[in-house]
Amino acid sequence: MKAFDIRVFHPADMPMLYQICLETGASGSDATGSLDRDILGHIYAAPYVIFEPDLCFVLTLNGRVCGYILGTSDSQRFAAWCETKWWPTLRQAYPARGKADQSREASLIRMIHMGYPTSVAEDEYPAHLHIDILPQGQGQKLGARLIETFLERLQMLGVAGVHLGVGKDNQRAAAWYPRLGFHAVEESDTDITYAMRL
């Protein structure tokens, strides 16, 4: 019998966060074998749980982590922390590649060297989040429960709003967030930024 639960992140969960990041890293599909296995976790998971662990929650199935939601209550403060505390070591570990290399891994390495991009949404919606769930936890409204848990925590902290980015090629996610009450506030050729006031 499947028994799902949501709980606060524990440091012992870190390897599974990296694994989930990789296994959902191709627009929700498995990116294993197409990228350095740690780079997505370095960018989209670890710095958040180190900087603001109280805003990281994991989804478990029979005690095993199969999803997470994490983020920051203050995107600008988080970006500043990463610039001094997180990126320097990774910039040494992942040397910048030439512009001729247009692979996804090269693009992620460029992100490490450029730092987190700013968003026009940050002033009104200072928090942002990332959520990923393995297939065994999908399609059961558990993502909505994770979002609800995260938003309740932001409201307790008095945060005015939250935003997140979605790649346009992830059509499932792009359709899902508006159903949860998010609305589009920014759009590029490749991404849509959704936001919600709290």
C-alpha atoms as a PDB file:
ATOM      1  CA  MET A   1       0.000   0.000   0.000  1.00  0.00           C
ATOM      2  CA  LYS A   2       1.295   3.425  -0.971  1.00  0.00           C
ATOM      3  CA  ALA A   3       1.729   5.821   1.948  1.00  0.00           C
ATOM      4  CA  PHE A   4       2.710   9.372   0.979  1.00  0.00           C
ATOM      5  CA  ASP A   5       3.778  12.003   3.480  1.00  0.00           C
ATOM      6  CA  ILE A   6       5.197  15.533   3.430  1.00  0.00           C
ATOM      7  CA  ARG A   7       7.806  16.551   5.958  1.00  0.00           C
ATOM      8  CA  VAL A   8      10.535  19.129   6.502  1.00  0.00           C
ATOM      9  CA  PHE A   9      13.868  18.468   4.771  1.00  0.00           C
ATOM     10  CA  HIS A  10      16.595  16.670   6.742  1.00  0.00           C
ATOM     11  CA  PRO A  11      20.280  16.900   5.725  1.00  0.00           C
ATOM     12  CA  ALA A  12      20.289  13.140   5.074  1.00  0.00           C
ATOM     13  CA  ASP A  13      17.836  13.823   2.202  1.00  0.00           C
ATOM     14  CA  MET A  14      20.419  15.748   0.163  1.00  0.00           C
ATOM     15  CA  PRO A  15      21.524  12.836  -2.090  1.00  0.00           C
ATOM     16  CA  MET A  16      17.904  12.155  -3.049  1.00  0.00           C
ATOM     17  CA  LEU A  17      17.340  15.822  -3.872  1.00  0.00           C
ATOM     18  CA  TYR A  18      20.240  15.597  -6.318  1.00  0.00           C
ATOM     19  CA  GLN A  19      18.855  12.355  -7.754  1.00  0.00           C
ATOM     20  CA  ILE A  20      15.352  13.789  -8.200  1.00  0.00           C
ATOM     21  CA  CYS A  21      16.809  16.926  -9.790  1.00  0.00           C
ATOM     22  CA  LEU A  22      18.547  14.750 -12.372  1.00  0.00           C
ATOM     23  CA  GLU A  23      15.651  12.359 -12.976  1.00  0.00           C
ATOM     24  CA  THR A  24      13.245  15.253 -13.645  1.00  0.00           C
ATOM     25  CA  GLY A  25      15.836  17.528 -15.249  1.00  0.00           C
ATOM     26  CA  ALA A  26      14.762  17.244 -18.901  1.00  0.00           C
ATOM     27  CA  SER A  27      11.560  19.297 -18.736  1.00  0.00           C
ATOM     28  CA  GLY A  28      10.146  16.834 -16.236  1.00  0.00           C
ATOM     29  CA  SER A  29      11.717  13.761 -17.840  1.00  0.00           C
ATOM     30  CA  ASP A  30      14.909  11.923 -16.896  1.00  0.00           C
ATOM     31  CA  ALA A  31      18.142  13.752 -17.781  1.00  0.00           C
ATOM     32  CA  THR A  32      20.395  10.891 -16.649  1.00  0.00           C
ATOM     33  CA  GLY A  33      23.293  10.400 -19.054  1.00  0.00           C
ATOM     34  CA  SER A  34      22.799  13.722 -20.842  1.00  0.00           C
ATOM     35  CA  LEU A  35      24.473  15.948 -18.228  1.00  0.00           C
ATOM     36  CA  ASP A  36      27.010  15.961 -15.447  1.00  0.00           C
ATOM     37  CA  ARG A  37      24.992  14.107 -12.814  1.00  0.00           C
ATOM     38  CA  ASP A  38      25.434  16.762 -10.092  1.00  0.00           C
ATOM     39  CA  ILE A  39      25.129  20.049 -11.950  1.00  0.00           C
ATOM     40  CA  LEU A  40      21.334  20.401 -11.690  1.00  0.00           C
ATOM     41  CA  GLY A  41      21.416  19.692  -7.967  1.00  0.00           C
ATOM     42  CA  HIS A  42      24.222  22.220  -7.529  1.00  0.00           C
ATOM     43  CA  ILE A  43      22.056  24.911  -9.133  1.00  0.00           C
ATOM     44  CA  TYR A  44      18.465  24.060  -8.261  1.00  0.00           C
ATOM     45  CA  ALA A  45      18.565  22.189  -4.950  1.00  0.00           C
ATOM     46  CA  ALA A  46      21.572  22.363  -2.641  1.00  0.00           C
ATOM     47  CA  PRO A  47      21.991  26.133  -2.277  1.00  0.00           C
ATOM     48  CA  TYR A  48      18.362  26.537  -1.245  1.00  0.00           C
ATOM     49  CA  VAL A  49      18.439  23.954   1.507  1.00  0.00           C
ATOM     50  CA  ILE A  50      21.716  25.362   2.817  1.00  0.00           C
ATOM     51  CA  PHE A  51      20.547  28.982   2.690  1.00  0.00           C
ATOM     52  CA  GLU A  52      16.955  28.512   3.874  1.00  0.00           C
ATOM     53  CA  PRO A  53      16.325  24.930   5.048  1.00  0.00           C
ATOM     54  CA  ASP A  54      13.018  25.842   6.719  1.00  0.00           C
ATOM     55  CA  LEU A  55      11.587  26.401   3.224  1.00  0.00           C
ATOM     56  CA  CYS A  56      12.396  22.918   1.965  1.00  0.00           C
ATOM     57  CA  PHE A  57       9.829  20.132   2.227  1.00  0.00           C
ATOM     58  CA  VAL A  58      10.092  16.600   0.888  1.00  0.00           C
ATOM     59  CA  LEU A  59       7.467  14.182  -0.346  1.00  0.00           C
ATOM     60  CA  THR A  60       8.003  10.605   0.780  1.00  0.00           C
ATOM     61  CA  LEU A  61       6.532   7.313  -0.381  1.00  0.00           C
ATOM     62  CA  ASN A  62       6.717   4.666   2.341  1.00  0.00           C
ATOM     63  CA  GLY A  63       9.489   6.708   3.925  1.00  0.00           C
ATOM     64  CA  ARG A  64      11.588   7.182   0.758  1.00  0.00           C
ATOM     65  CA  VAL A  65      11.939  10.679  -0.682  1.00  0.00           C
ATOM     66  CA  CYS A  66      10.285  10.944  -4.102  1.00  0.00           C
ATOM     67  CA  GLY A  67       9.768  14.684  -4.476  1.00  0.00           C
ATOM     68  CA  TYR A  68      10.487  18.077  -3.005  1.00  0.00           C
ATOM     69  CA  ILE A  69       9.575  21.734  -2.956  1.00  0.00           C
ATOM     70  CA  LEU A  70      12.160  24.312  -1.975  1.00  0.00           C
ATOM     71  CA  GLY A  71      12.972  27.951  -2.500  1.00  0.00           C
ATOM     72  CA  THR A  72      13.711  31.224  -0.829  1.00  0.00           C
ATOM     73  CA  SER A  73      11.615  33.935   0.772  1.00  0.00           C
ATOM     74  CA  ASP A  74      13.922  36.669  -0.616  1.00  0.00           C
ATOM     75  CA  SER A  75      15.302  36.096  -4.116  1.00  0.00           C
ATOM     76  CA  GLN A  76      17.634  39.098  -4.071  1.00  0.00           C
ATOM     77  CA  ARG A  77      19.180  38.184  -0.721  1.00  0.00           C
ATOM     78  CA  PHE A  78      19.537  34.576  -1.899  1.00  0.00           C
ATOM     79  CA  ALA A  79      21.301  35.647  -5.113  1.00  0.00           C
ATOM     80  CA  ALA A  80      23.708  37.820  -3.117  1.00  0.00           C
ATOM     81  CA  TRP A  81      24.489  34.933  -0.759  1.00  0.00           C
ATOM     82  CA  CYS A  82      25.144  32.593  -3.686  1.00  0.00           C
ATOM     83  CA  GLU A  83      27.503  35.111  -5.250  1.00  0.00           C
ATOM     84  CA  THR A  84      29.764  35.129  -2.200  1.00  0.00           C
ATOM     85  CA  LYS A  85      29.185  31.705  -0.619  1.00  0.00           C
ATOM     86  CA  TRP A  86      28.081  29.244  -3.299  1.00  0.00           C
ATOM     87  CA  TRP A  87      29.229  30.089  -6.826  1.00  0.00           C
ATOM     88  CA  PRO A  88      32.990  30.650  -6.251  1.00  0.00           C
ATOM     89  CA  THR A  89      33.761  26.967  -5.566  1.00  0.00           C
ATOM     90  CA  LEU A  90      31.520  25.785  -8.411  1.00  0.00           C
ATOM     91  CA  ARG A  91      33.127  28.238 -10.835  1.00  0.00           C
ATOM     92  CA  GLN A  92      36.443  26.552 -10.151  1.00  0.00           C
ATOM     93  CA  ALA A  93      34.949  23.083 -10.516  1.00  0.00           C
ATOM     94  CA  TYR A  94      33.134  23.942 -13.776  1.00  0.00           C
ATOM     95  CA  PRO A  95      35.331  26.164 -15.990  1.00  0.00           C
ATOM     96  CA  ALA A  96      33.410  28.318 -18.459  1.00  0.00           C
ATOM     97  CA  ARG A  97      33.068  26.912 -21.974  1.00  0.00           C
ATOM     98  CA  GLY A  98      33.324  28.783 -25.239  1.00  0.00           C
ATOM     99  CA  LYS A  99      30.281  30.239 -26.957  1.00  0.00           C
ATOM    100  CA  ALA A 100      30.549  27.615 -29.674  1.00  0.00           C
ATOM    101  CA  ASP A 101      29.408  24.993 -27.176  1.00  0.00           C
ATOM    102  CA  GLN A 102      25.618  25.302 -27.170  1.00  0.00           C
ATOM    103  CA  SER A 103      24.922  22.114 -25.223  1.00  0.00           C
ATOM    104  CA  ARG A 104      22.576  22.178 -22.247  1.00  0.00           C
ATOM    105  CA  GLU A 105      25.454  21.416 -19.897  1.00  0.00           C
ATOM    106  CA  ALA A 106      27.434  24.371 -21.270  1.00  0.00           C
ATOM    107  CA  SER A 107      24.398  26.611 -20.738  1.00  0.00           C
ATOM    108  CA  LEU A 108      24.135  25.469 -17.117  1.00  0.00           C
ATOM    109  CA  ILE A 109      27.831  26.134 -16.592  1.00  0.00           C
ATOM    110  CA  ARG A 110      27.338  29.646 -17.994  1.00  0.00           C
ATOM    111  CA  MET A 111      24.573  30.116 -15.446  1.00  0.00           C
ATOM    112  CA  ILE A 112      27.001  29.174 -12.682  1.00  0.00           C
ATOM    113  CA  HIS A 113      29.405  31.846 -13.949  1.00  0.00           C
ATOM    114  CA  MET A 114      26.724  34.507 -14.438  1.00  0.00           C
ATOM    115  CA  GLY A 115      24.790  33.872 -11.220  1.00  0.00           C
ATOM    116  CA  TYR A 116      21.043  33.723 -10.854  1.00  0.00           C
ATOM    117  CA  PRO A 117      19.221  35.918 -13.369  1.00  0.00           C
ATOM    118  CA  THR A 118      17.083  38.699 -11.995  1.00  0.00           C
ATOM    119  CA  SER A 119      13.366  38.828 -12.731  1.00  0.00           C
ATOM    120  CA  VAL A 120      11.007  41.767 -12.978  1.00  0.00           C
ATOM    121  CA  ALA A 121       8.757  39.732 -10.687  1.00  0.00           C
ATOM    122  CA  GLU A 122      11.117  39.988  -7.711  1.00  0.00           C
ATOM    123  CA  ASP A 123       9.875  43.369  -6.456  1.00  0.00           C
ATOM    124  CA  GLU A 124       6.239  42.316  -6.089  1.00  0.00           C
ATOM    125  CA  TYR A 125       6.885  38.594  -5.649  1.00  0.00           C
ATOM    126  CA  PRO A 126      10.153  38.312  -3.696  1.00  0.00           C
ATOM    127  CA  ALA A 127      10.032  34.572  -2.995  1.00  0.00           C
ATOM    128  CA  HIS A 128      10.602  31.876  -5.600  1.00  0.00           C
ATOM    129  CA  LEU A 129      10.345  28.098  -5.626  1.00  0.00           C
ATOM    130  CA  HIS A 130      11.332  24.870  -7.359  1.00  0.00           C
ATOM    131  CA  ILE A 131       9.259  21.694  -7.235  1.00  0.00           C
ATOM    132  CA  ASP A 132      10.041  18.256  -8.646  1.00  0.00           C
ATOM    133  CA  ILE A 133       8.292  14.918  -8.171  1.00  0.00           C
ATOM    134  CA  LEU A 134       9.310  11.505  -9.491  1.00  0.00           C
ATOM    135  CA  PRO A 135       6.729   9.622 -11.619  1.00  0.00           C
ATOM    136  CA  GLN A 136       5.495   7.483  -8.717  1.00  0.00           C
ATOM    137  CA  GLY A 137       4.262  10.617  -6.953  1.00  0.00           C
ATOM    138  CA  GLN A 138       2.730  12.346  -9.956  1.00  0.00           C
ATOM    139  CA  GLY A 139      -0.932  12.575 -10.904  1.00  0.00           C
ATOM    140  CA  GLN A 140      -2.206  12.263  -7.346  1.00  0.00           C
ATOM    141  CA  LYS A 141      -2.568  15.945  -6.388  1.00  0.00           C
ATOM    142  CA  LEU A 142       0.577  15.700  -4.263  1.00  0.00           C
ATOM    143  CA  GLY A 143       2.195  18.582  -6.134  1.00  0.00           C
ATOM    144  CA  ALA A 144      -0.697  20.803  -5.097  1.00  0.00           C
ATOM    145  CA  ARG A 145      -0.213  19.680  -1.490  1.00  0.00           C
ATOM    146  CA  LEU A 146       3.482  20.544  -1.668  1.00  0.00           C
ATOM    147  CA  ILE A 147       2.662  23.973  -3.098  1.00  0.00           C
ATOM    148  CA  GLU A 148       0.088  24.555  -0.355  1.00  0.00           C
ATOM    149  CA  THR A 149       2.612  23.574   2.330  1.00  0.00           C
ATOM    150  CA  PHE A 150       5.212  25.949   0.882  1.00  0.00           C
ATOM    151  CA  LEU A 151       2.783  28.869   0.498  1.00  0.00           C
ATOM    152  CA  GLU A 152       1.539  28.454   4.067  1.00  0.00           C
ATOM    153  CA  ARG A 153       5.122  28.748   5.266  1.00  0.00           C
ATOM    154  CA  LEU A 154       5.670  31.913   3.201  1.00  0.00           C
ATOM    155  CA  GLN A 155       2.485  33.418   4.619  1.00  0.00           C
ATOM    156  CA  MET A 156       3.706  32.695   8.145  1.00  0.00           C
ATOM    157  CA  LEU A 157       6.867  34.624   7.269  1.00  0.00           C
ATOM    158  CA  GLY A 158       4.848  37.574   5.948  1.00  0.00           C
ATOM    159  CA  VAL A 159       6.117  37.281   2.372  1.00  0.00           C
ATOM    160  CA  ALA A 160       4.132  39.350  -0.146  1.00  0.00           C
ATOM    161  CA  GLY A 161       4.335  37.040  -3.138  1.00  0.00           C
ATOM    162  CA  VAL A 162       6.119  34.198  -4.918  1.00  0.00           C
ATOM    163  CA  HIS A 163       7.248  33.502  -8.471  1.00  0.00           C
ATOM    164  CA  LEU A 164       8.747  30.637 -10.474  1.00  0.00           C
ATOM    165  CA  GLY A 165      10.015  29.955 -13.961  1.00  0.00           C
ATOM    166  CA  VAL A 166       8.797  27.267 -16.353  1.00  0.00           C
ATOM    167  CA  GLY A 167      10.350  26.264 -19.663  1.00  0.00           C
ATOM    168  CA  LYS A 168       7.908  26.546 -22.550  1.00  0.00           C
ATOM    169  CA  ASP A 169       8.802  23.022 -23.606  1.00  0.00           C
ATOM    170  CA  ASN A 170       7.371  21.754 -20.301  1.00  0.00           C
ATOM    171  CA  GLN A 171       3.780  22.121 -21.444  1.00  0.00           C
ATOM    172  CA  ARG A 172       2.360  20.063 -18.601  1.00  0.00           C
ATOM    173  CA  ALA A 173       3.799  22.415 -15.966  1.00  0.00           C
ATOM    174  CA  ALA A 174       2.879  25.507 -17.977  1.00  0.00           C
ATOM    175  CA  ALA A 175      -0.762  24.391 -17.912  1.00  0.00           C
ATOM    176  CA  TRP A 176      -0.678  23.296 -14.257  1.00  0.00           C
ATOM    177  CA  TYR A 177       0.393  26.487 -12.489  1.00  0.00           C
ATOM    178  CA  PRO A 178      -2.530  28.651 -13.687  1.00  0.00           C
ATOM    179  CA  ARG A 179      -4.900  26.018 -12.300  1.00  0.00           C
ATOM    180  CA  LEU A 180      -3.280  26.555  -8.890  1.00  0.00           C
ATOM    181  CA  GLY A 181      -3.837  30.308  -9.006  1.00  0.00           C
ATOM    182  CA  PHE A 182      -0.552  31.489 -10.530  1.00  0.00           C
ATOM    183  CA  HIS A 183      -0.579  33.948 -13.418  1.00  0.00           C
ATOM    184  CA  ALA A 184       2.031  34.765 -16.069  1.00  0.00           C
ATOM    185  CA  VAL A 185       3.980  37.969 -15.408  1.00  0.00           C
ATOM    186  CA  GLU A 186       6.969  37.638 -17.746  1.00  0.00           C
ATOM    187  CA  GLU A 187       7.768  35.692 -20.894  1.00  0.00           C
ATOM    188  CA  SER A 188      10.827  35.062 -23.039  1.00  0.00           C
ATOM    189  CA  ASP A 189      11.417  32.913 -26.106  1.00  0.00           C
ATOM    190  CA  THR A 190      12.075  29.909 -23.884  1.00  0.00           C
ATOM    191  CA  ASP A 191      10.491  30.527 -20.469  1.00  0.00           C
ATOM    192  CA  ILE A 192       7.390  31.814 -18.681  1.00  0.00           C
ATOM    193  CA  THR A 193       7.492  33.364 -15.206  1.00  0.00           C
ATOM    194  CA  TYR A 194       4.397  32.693 -13.119  1.00  0.00           C
ATOM    195  CA  ALA A 195       3.586  34.527  -9.901  1.00  0.00           C
ATOM    196  CA  MET A 196       1.084  34.711  -7.054  1.00  0.00           C
ATOM    197  CA  ARG A 197       0.357  37.303  -4.378  1.00  0.00           C
ATOM    198  CA  LEU A 198       0.050  35.914  -0.874  1.00  0.00           C
END
